[in-house]
Amino acid sequence: MRWLLPGLMIVASVLIAKPVQHRVSHLPTIGRLSEQEREEAIEFIEEYGGALRLKKLENIKWRAPLEYENHLRTALIKKRDLERLRENNEILYQKILGIMDMERKSFDLAEEYRNAESDAEMNDIKEQLRGILSRVFDLKQEERNSRISKLEDEINRLKDDLAERARKKNEIVERRLGELLGEGRYLEW
């Protein structure tokens, strides 16, 4: 309880603090985003979210500024995650970009559907949208299966390590005993 007031003061100071302009971290600031971070997030939303999402975001800018800031922060984090992914795994990066592009197309088609003037046009758009959503689903399933395979490999490696440690239990215990009792110092390299 005695830490409650100081803790609240720290949180409040962080929230009202001006953003640091030059940071080493790849993550956006905890407080308000800098103008550069806002521009970076808006460019990302425009490129990968499409004009429709950007328009919707602009509509909440003055009505719900905190929600607007959170959307920008989320976009900035996604952008930076994608940049790191491009450096570490080009194949997965390309798959994610494909998924993002198809999701953007699905939002655009949904908007076209809402603005369609005839039943024939609506049916055509609906079929296009169904095809895109099916491809997005397949790509996401493929990516999830890939992640599961990697996790299974890691689990198997950990199980093998655990079994090896169990086989060498006495050796490990004796080595640690010697370390704790200071024995075997003369055996160090």
C-alpha atoms as a PDB file:
ATOM      1  CA  MET A   1       0.000   0.000   0.000  1.00  0.00           C
ATOM      2  CA  ARG A   2       2.862   2.385   0.777  1.00  0.00           C
ATOM      3  CA  TRP A   3       4.072   1.948  -2.821  1.00  0.00           C
ATOM      4  CA  LEU A   4       0.707   2.795  -4.382  1.00  0.00           C
ATOM      5  CA  LEU A   5       1.073   6.579  -4.438  1.00  0.00           C
ATOM      6  CA  PRO A   6       4.680   6.613  -5.701  1.00  0.00           C
ATOM      7  CA  GLY A   7       3.744   4.007  -8.313  1.00  0.00           C
ATOM      8  CA  LEU A   8       0.811   6.088  -9.526  1.00  0.00           C
ATOM      9  CA  MET A   9       3.041   9.150  -9.692  1.00  0.00           C
ATOM     10  CA  ILE A  10       5.547   7.289 -11.854  1.00  0.00           C
ATOM     11  CA  VAL A  11       2.813   6.035 -14.196  1.00  0.00           C
ATOM     12  CA  ALA A  12       1.334   9.536 -14.454  1.00  0.00           C
ATOM     13  CA  SER A  13       4.723  11.092 -15.199  1.00  0.00           C
ATOM     14  CA  VAL A  14       5.360   8.524 -17.926  1.00  0.00           C
ATOM     15  CA  LEU A  15       1.977   9.161 -19.547  1.00  0.00           C
ATOM     16  CA  ILE A  16       2.347  12.933 -19.669  1.00  0.00           C
ATOM     17  CA  ALA A  17       6.043  12.976 -20.516  1.00  0.00           C
ATOM     18  CA  LYS A  18       7.093  14.220 -23.929  1.00  0.00           C
ATOM     19  CA  PRO A  19       8.424  11.454 -26.152  1.00  0.00           C
ATOM     20  CA  VAL A  20      12.158  11.047 -26.439  1.00  0.00           C
ATOM     21  CA  GLN A  21      13.306  11.968 -29.932  1.00  0.00           C
ATOM     22  CA  HIS A  22      16.408   9.751 -30.174  1.00  0.00           C
ATOM     23  CA  ARG A  23      15.966   6.284 -28.749  1.00  0.00           C
ATOM     24  CA  VAL A  24      17.991   3.134 -29.155  1.00  0.00           C
ATOM     25  CA  SER A  25      14.959   0.899 -28.674  1.00  0.00           C
ATOM     26  CA  HIS A  26      12.986  -0.330 -31.682  1.00  0.00           C
ATOM     27  CA  LEU A  27       9.703  -0.016 -29.755  1.00  0.00           C
ATOM     28  CA  PRO A  28       7.604   3.151 -29.636  1.00  0.00           C
ATOM     29  CA  THR A  29       7.589   5.254 -26.520  1.00  0.00           C
ATOM     30  CA  ILE A  30       5.279   4.411 -23.620  1.00  0.00           C
ATOM     31  CA  GLY A  31       3.842   7.930 -23.572  1.00  0.00           C
ATOM     32  CA  ARG A  32       2.781   9.834 -26.643  1.00  0.00           C
ATOM     33  CA  LEU A  33       4.272   8.938 -30.002  1.00  0.00           C
ATOM     34  CA  SER A  34       6.653  11.406 -31.557  1.00  0.00           C
ATOM     35  CA  GLU A  35       5.637  13.104 -34.790  1.00  0.00           C
ATOM     36  CA  GLN A  36       8.162  10.945 -36.642  1.00  0.00           C
ATOM     37  CA  GLU A  37       6.636   7.775 -35.145  1.00  0.00           C
ATOM     38  CA  ARG A  38       3.138   8.946 -36.090  1.00  0.00           C
ATOM     39  CA  GLU A  39       4.223   9.575 -39.680  1.00  0.00           C
ATOM     40  CA  GLU A  40       5.936   6.177 -39.821  1.00  0.00           C
ATOM     41  CA  ALA A  41       2.782   4.447 -38.549  1.00  0.00           C
ATOM     42  CA  ILE A  42       0.510   6.337 -40.951  1.00  0.00           C
ATOM     43  CA  GLU A  43       2.743   5.425 -43.918  1.00  0.00           C
ATOM     44  CA  PHE A  44       2.606   1.777 -42.848  1.00  0.00           C
ATOM     45  CA  ILE A  45      -1.190   1.853 -42.504  1.00  0.00           C
ATOM     46  CA  GLU A  46      -1.512   3.551 -45.880  1.00  0.00           C
ATOM     47  CA  GLU A  47       0.772   0.997 -47.568  1.00  0.00           C
ATOM     48  CA  TYR A  48      -0.580  -2.176 -45.981  1.00  0.00           C
ATOM     49  CA  GLY A  49      -3.998  -1.209 -44.663  1.00  0.00           C
ATOM     50  CA  GLY A  50      -5.239   0.699 -47.654  1.00  0.00           C
ATOM     51  CA  ALA A  51      -6.916   4.049 -48.063  1.00  0.00           C
ATOM     52  CA  LEU A  52     -10.122   2.823 -46.445  1.00  0.00           C
ATOM     53  CA  ARG A  53      -8.443   1.960 -43.148  1.00  0.00           C
ATOM     54  CA  LEU A  54      -6.558   5.240 -43.190  1.00  0.00           C
ATOM     55  CA  LYS A  55      -9.827   7.118 -43.754  1.00  0.00           C
ATOM     56  CA  LYS A  56     -11.476   5.301 -40.828  1.00  0.00           C
ATOM     57  CA  LEU A  57      -8.463   6.091 -38.669  1.00  0.00           C
ATOM     58  CA  GLU A  58      -8.649   9.770 -39.595  1.00  0.00           C
ATOM     59  CA  ASN A  59     -12.337   9.752 -38.589  1.00  0.00           C
ATOM     60  CA  ILE A  60     -11.478   8.788 -34.999  1.00  0.00           C
ATOM     61  CA  LYS A  61      -8.481  11.111 -34.712  1.00  0.00           C
ATOM     62  CA  TRP A  62     -10.430  13.931 -33.055  1.00  0.00           C
ATOM     63  CA  ARG A  63     -13.354  11.925 -31.714  1.00  0.00           C
ATOM     64  CA  ALA A  64     -11.222   9.395 -29.773  1.00  0.00           C
ATOM     65  CA  PRO A  65      -7.593  10.580 -29.594  1.00  0.00           C
ATOM     66  CA  LEU A  66      -6.429   7.778 -27.267  1.00  0.00           C
ATOM     67  CA  GLU A  67      -7.911   5.126 -29.539  1.00  0.00           C
ATOM     68  CA  TYR A  68      -6.245   6.854 -32.505  1.00  0.00           C
ATOM     69  CA  GLU A  69      -2.887   6.865 -30.721  1.00  0.00           C
ATOM     70  CA  ASN A  70      -3.278   3.177 -29.821  1.00  0.00           C
ATOM     71  CA  HIS A  71      -4.014   2.266 -33.451  1.00  0.00           C
ATOM     72  CA  LEU A  72      -0.885   4.156 -34.530  1.00  0.00           C
ATOM     73  CA  ARG A  73       1.203   2.492 -31.818  1.00  0.00           C
ATOM     74  CA  THR A  74      -0.051  -0.962 -32.842  1.00  0.00           C
ATOM     75  CA  ALA A  75       0.738  -0.226 -36.497  1.00  0.00           C
ATOM     76  CA  LEU A  76       4.216   0.977 -35.583  1.00  0.00           C
ATOM     77  CA  ILE A  77       4.924  -2.159 -33.561  1.00  0.00           C
ATOM     78  CA  LYS A  78       3.705  -4.330 -36.468  1.00  0.00           C
ATOM     79  CA  LYS A  79       5.904  -2.392 -38.887  1.00  0.00           C
ATOM     80  CA  ARG A  80       8.986  -2.849 -36.747  1.00  0.00           C
ATOM     81  CA  ASP A  81       8.190  -6.519 -36.173  1.00  0.00           C
ATOM     82  CA  LEU A  82       7.951  -6.955 -39.948  1.00  0.00           C
ATOM     83  CA  GLU A  83      11.303  -5.217 -40.431  1.00  0.00           C
ATOM     84  CA  ARG A  84      12.952  -7.613 -37.977  1.00  0.00           C
ATOM     85  CA  LEU A  85      11.223 -10.560 -39.639  1.00  0.00           C
ATOM     86  CA  ARG A  86      12.563  -9.469 -43.041  1.00  0.00           C
ATOM     87  CA  GLU A  87      16.083  -9.518 -41.608  1.00  0.00           C
ATOM     88  CA  ASN A  88      15.663 -12.927 -39.942  1.00  0.00           C
ATOM     89  CA  ASN A  89      13.326 -14.940 -42.186  1.00  0.00           C
ATOM     90  CA  GLU A  90      12.734 -13.660 -45.718  1.00  0.00           C
ATOM     91  CA  ILE A  91      10.400 -16.535 -46.653  1.00  0.00           C
ATOM     92  CA  LEU A  92       8.063 -15.988 -43.707  1.00  0.00           C
ATOM     93  CA  TYR A  93       8.257 -12.229 -44.302  1.00  0.00           C
ATOM     94  CA  GLN A  94       7.013 -12.689 -47.879  1.00  0.00           C
ATOM     95  CA  LYS A  95       4.170 -14.948 -46.684  1.00  0.00           C
ATOM     96  CA  ILE A  96       3.082 -12.386 -44.093  1.00  0.00           C
ATOM     97  CA  LEU A  97       3.162  -9.616 -46.716  1.00  0.00           C
ATOM     98  CA  GLY A  98       0.979 -11.788 -48.958  1.00  0.00           C
ATOM     99  CA  ILE A  99      -1.504 -12.315 -46.153  1.00  0.00           C
ATOM    100  CA  MET A 100      -1.567  -8.607 -45.354  1.00  0.00           C
ATOM    101  CA  ASP A 101      -2.124  -7.728 -49.014  1.00  0.00           C
ATOM    102  CA  MET A 102      -5.027 -10.164 -49.331  1.00  0.00           C
ATOM    103  CA  GLU A 103      -6.571  -8.901 -46.077  1.00  0.00           C
ATOM    104  CA  ARG A 104      -6.350  -5.348 -47.400  1.00  0.00           C
ATOM    105  CA  LYS A 105      -8.050  -6.497 -50.606  1.00  0.00           C
ATOM    106  CA  SER A 106     -10.769  -8.186 -48.532  1.00  0.00           C
ATOM    107  CA  PHE A 107     -11.492  -4.910 -46.697  1.00  0.00           C
ATOM    108  CA  ASP A 108     -11.631  -3.056 -50.010  1.00  0.00           C
ATOM    109  CA  LEU A 109     -13.966  -5.661 -51.510  1.00  0.00           C
ATOM    110  CA  ALA A 110     -16.214  -5.529 -48.448  1.00  0.00           C
ATOM    111  CA  GLU A 111     -16.497  -1.772 -48.933  1.00  0.00           C
ATOM    112  CA  GLU A 112     -17.242  -2.270 -52.640  1.00  0.00           C
ATOM    113  CA  TYR A 113     -19.933  -4.793 -51.677  1.00  0.00           C
ATOM    114  CA  ARG A 114     -21.592  -2.285 -49.344  1.00  0.00           C
ATOM    115  CA  ASN A 115     -21.577   0.307 -52.134  1.00  0.00           C
ATOM    116  CA  ALA A 116     -22.678  -2.055 -54.937  1.00  0.00           C
ATOM    117  CA  GLU A 117     -25.768  -1.016 -56.859  1.00  0.00           C
ATOM    118  CA  SER A 118     -26.996  -4.329 -58.237  1.00  0.00           C
ATOM    119  CA  ASP A 119     -27.457  -7.879 -56.998  1.00  0.00           C
ATOM    120  CA  ALA A 120     -25.240  -9.201 -59.804  1.00  0.00           C
ATOM    121  CA  GLU A 121     -22.426  -6.877 -58.776  1.00  0.00           C
ATOM    122  CA  MET A 122     -22.869  -7.870 -55.130  1.00  0.00           C
ATOM    123  CA  ASN A 123     -22.741 -11.585 -56.018  1.00  0.00           C
ATOM    124  CA  ASP A 124     -19.593 -11.088 -58.114  1.00  0.00           C
ATOM    125  CA  ILE A 125     -17.860  -9.194 -55.295  1.00  0.00           C
ATOM    126  CA  LYS A 126     -19.017 -11.780 -52.774  1.00  0.00           C
ATOM    127  CA  GLU A 127     -17.416 -14.590 -54.804  1.00  0.00           C
ATOM    128  CA  GLN A 128     -14.155 -12.641 -55.145  1.00  0.00           C
ATOM    129  CA  LEU A 129     -14.170 -12.011 -51.417  1.00  0.00           C
ATOM    130  CA  ARG A 130     -14.868 -15.685 -50.673  1.00  0.00           C
ATOM    131  CA  GLY A 131     -11.865 -16.697 -52.824  1.00  0.00           C
ATOM    132  CA  ILE A 132      -9.539 -14.232 -51.120  1.00  0.00           C
ATOM    133  CA  LEU A 133     -10.702 -15.253 -47.651  1.00  0.00           C
ATOM    134  CA  SER A 134     -10.161 -18.905 -48.536  1.00  0.00           C
ATOM    135  CA  ARG A 135      -6.579 -18.168 -49.658  1.00  0.00           C
ATOM    136  CA  VAL A 136      -5.907 -16.108 -46.508  1.00  0.00           C
ATOM    137  CA  PHE A 137      -7.230 -18.956 -44.382  1.00  0.00           C
ATOM    138  CA  ASP A 138      -4.996 -21.484 -46.176  1.00  0.00           C
ATOM    139  CA  LEU A 139      -1.908 -19.289 -45.789  1.00  0.00           C
ATOM    140  CA  LYS A 140      -2.595 -18.720 -42.107  1.00  0.00           C
ATOM    141  CA  GLN A 141      -3.109 -22.446 -41.556  1.00  0.00           C
ATOM    142  CA  GLU A 142       0.153 -23.172 -43.362  1.00  0.00           C
ATOM    143  CA  GLU A 143       1.987 -20.646 -41.175  1.00  0.00           C
ATOM    144  CA  ARG A 144       0.429 -22.095 -38.006  1.00  0.00           C
ATOM    145  CA  ASN A 145       1.430 -25.627 -39.050  1.00  0.00           C
ATOM    146  CA  SER A 146       4.966 -24.384 -39.623  1.00  0.00           C
ATOM    147  CA  ARG A 147       5.049 -22.833 -36.139  1.00  0.00           C
ATOM    148  CA  ILE A 148       3.695 -26.063 -34.623  1.00  0.00           C
ATOM    149  CA  SER A 149       6.411 -28.082 -36.391  1.00  0.00           C
ATOM    150  CA  LYS A 150       9.110 -25.764 -35.048  1.00  0.00           C
ATOM    151  CA  LEU A 151       7.653 -25.999 -31.533  1.00  0.00           C
ATOM    152  CA  GLU A 152       7.500 -29.792 -31.792  1.00  0.00           C
ATOM    153  CA  ASP A 153      11.163 -29.845 -32.858  1.00  0.00           C
ATOM    154  CA  GLU A 154      12.061 -27.665 -29.887  1.00  0.00           C
ATOM    155  CA  ILE A 155      10.078 -29.891 -27.510  1.00  0.00           C
ATOM    156  CA  ASN A 156      11.841 -32.980 -28.860  1.00  0.00           C
ATOM    157  CA  ARG A 157      15.233 -31.312 -28.420  1.00  0.00           C
ATOM    158  CA  LEU A 158      14.349 -30.361 -24.839  1.00  0.00           C
ATOM    159  CA  LYS A 159      13.161 -33.913 -24.107  1.00  0.00           C
ATOM    160  CA  ASP A 160      16.450 -35.289 -25.458  1.00  0.00           C
ATOM    161  CA  ASP A 161      18.400 -32.830 -23.284  1.00  0.00           C
ATOM    162  CA  LEU A 162      16.329 -33.822 -20.255  1.00  0.00           C
ATOM    163  CA  ALA A 163      16.911 -37.533 -20.886  1.00  0.00           C
ATOM    164  CA  GLU A 164      20.671 -36.928 -21.283  1.00  0.00           C
ATOM    165  CA  ARG A 165      20.788 -34.986 -18.021  1.00  0.00           C
ATOM    166  CA  ALA A 166      18.889 -37.801 -16.284  1.00  0.00           C
ATOM    167  CA  ARG A 167      21.481 -40.319 -17.557  1.00  0.00           C
ATOM    168  CA  LYS A 168      24.303 -38.109 -16.281  1.00  0.00           C
ATOM    169  CA  LYS A 169      22.658 -37.204 -12.969  1.00  0.00           C
ATOM    170  CA  ASN A 170      25.449 -38.579 -10.758  1.00  0.00           C
ATOM    171  CA  GLU A 171      28.175 -36.836 -12.755  1.00  0.00           C
ATOM    172  CA  ILE A 172      26.272 -33.511 -12.638  1.00  0.00           C
ATOM    173  CA  VAL A 173      25.617 -33.820  -8.886  1.00  0.00           C
ATOM    174  CA  GLU A 174      29.266 -34.700  -8.165  1.00  0.00           C
ATOM    175  CA  ARG A 175      30.541 -31.786 -10.266  1.00  0.00           C
ATOM    176  CA  ARG A 176      28.244 -29.349  -8.458  1.00  0.00           C
ATOM    177  CA  LEU A 177      29.194 -30.805  -5.081  1.00  0.00           C
ATOM    178  CA  GLY A 178      32.847 -30.235  -5.908  1.00  0.00           C
ATOM    179  CA  GLU A 179      32.126 -26.646  -6.963  1.00  0.00           C
ATOM    180  CA  LEU A 180      30.249 -25.879  -3.751  1.00  0.00           C
ATOM    181  CA  LEU A 181      32.883 -27.469  -1.513  1.00  0.00           C
ATOM    182  CA  GLY A 182      35.786 -25.890  -3.388  1.00  0.00           C
ATOM    183  CA  GLU A 183      37.210 -29.266  -4.337  1.00  0.00           C
ATOM    184  CA  GLY A 184      38.906 -29.718  -7.651  1.00  0.00           C
ATOM    185  CA  ARG A 185      40.169 -26.147  -7.961  1.00  0.00           C
ATOM    186  CA  TYR A 186      43.479 -27.595  -8.975  1.00  0.00           C
ATOM    187  CA  LEU A 187      41.691 -29.342 -11.871  1.00  0.00           C
ATOM    188  CA  GLU A 188      40.581 -26.092 -13.505  1.00  0.00           C
ATOM    189  CA  TRP A 189      42.116 -25.340 -16.869  1.00  0.00           C
END
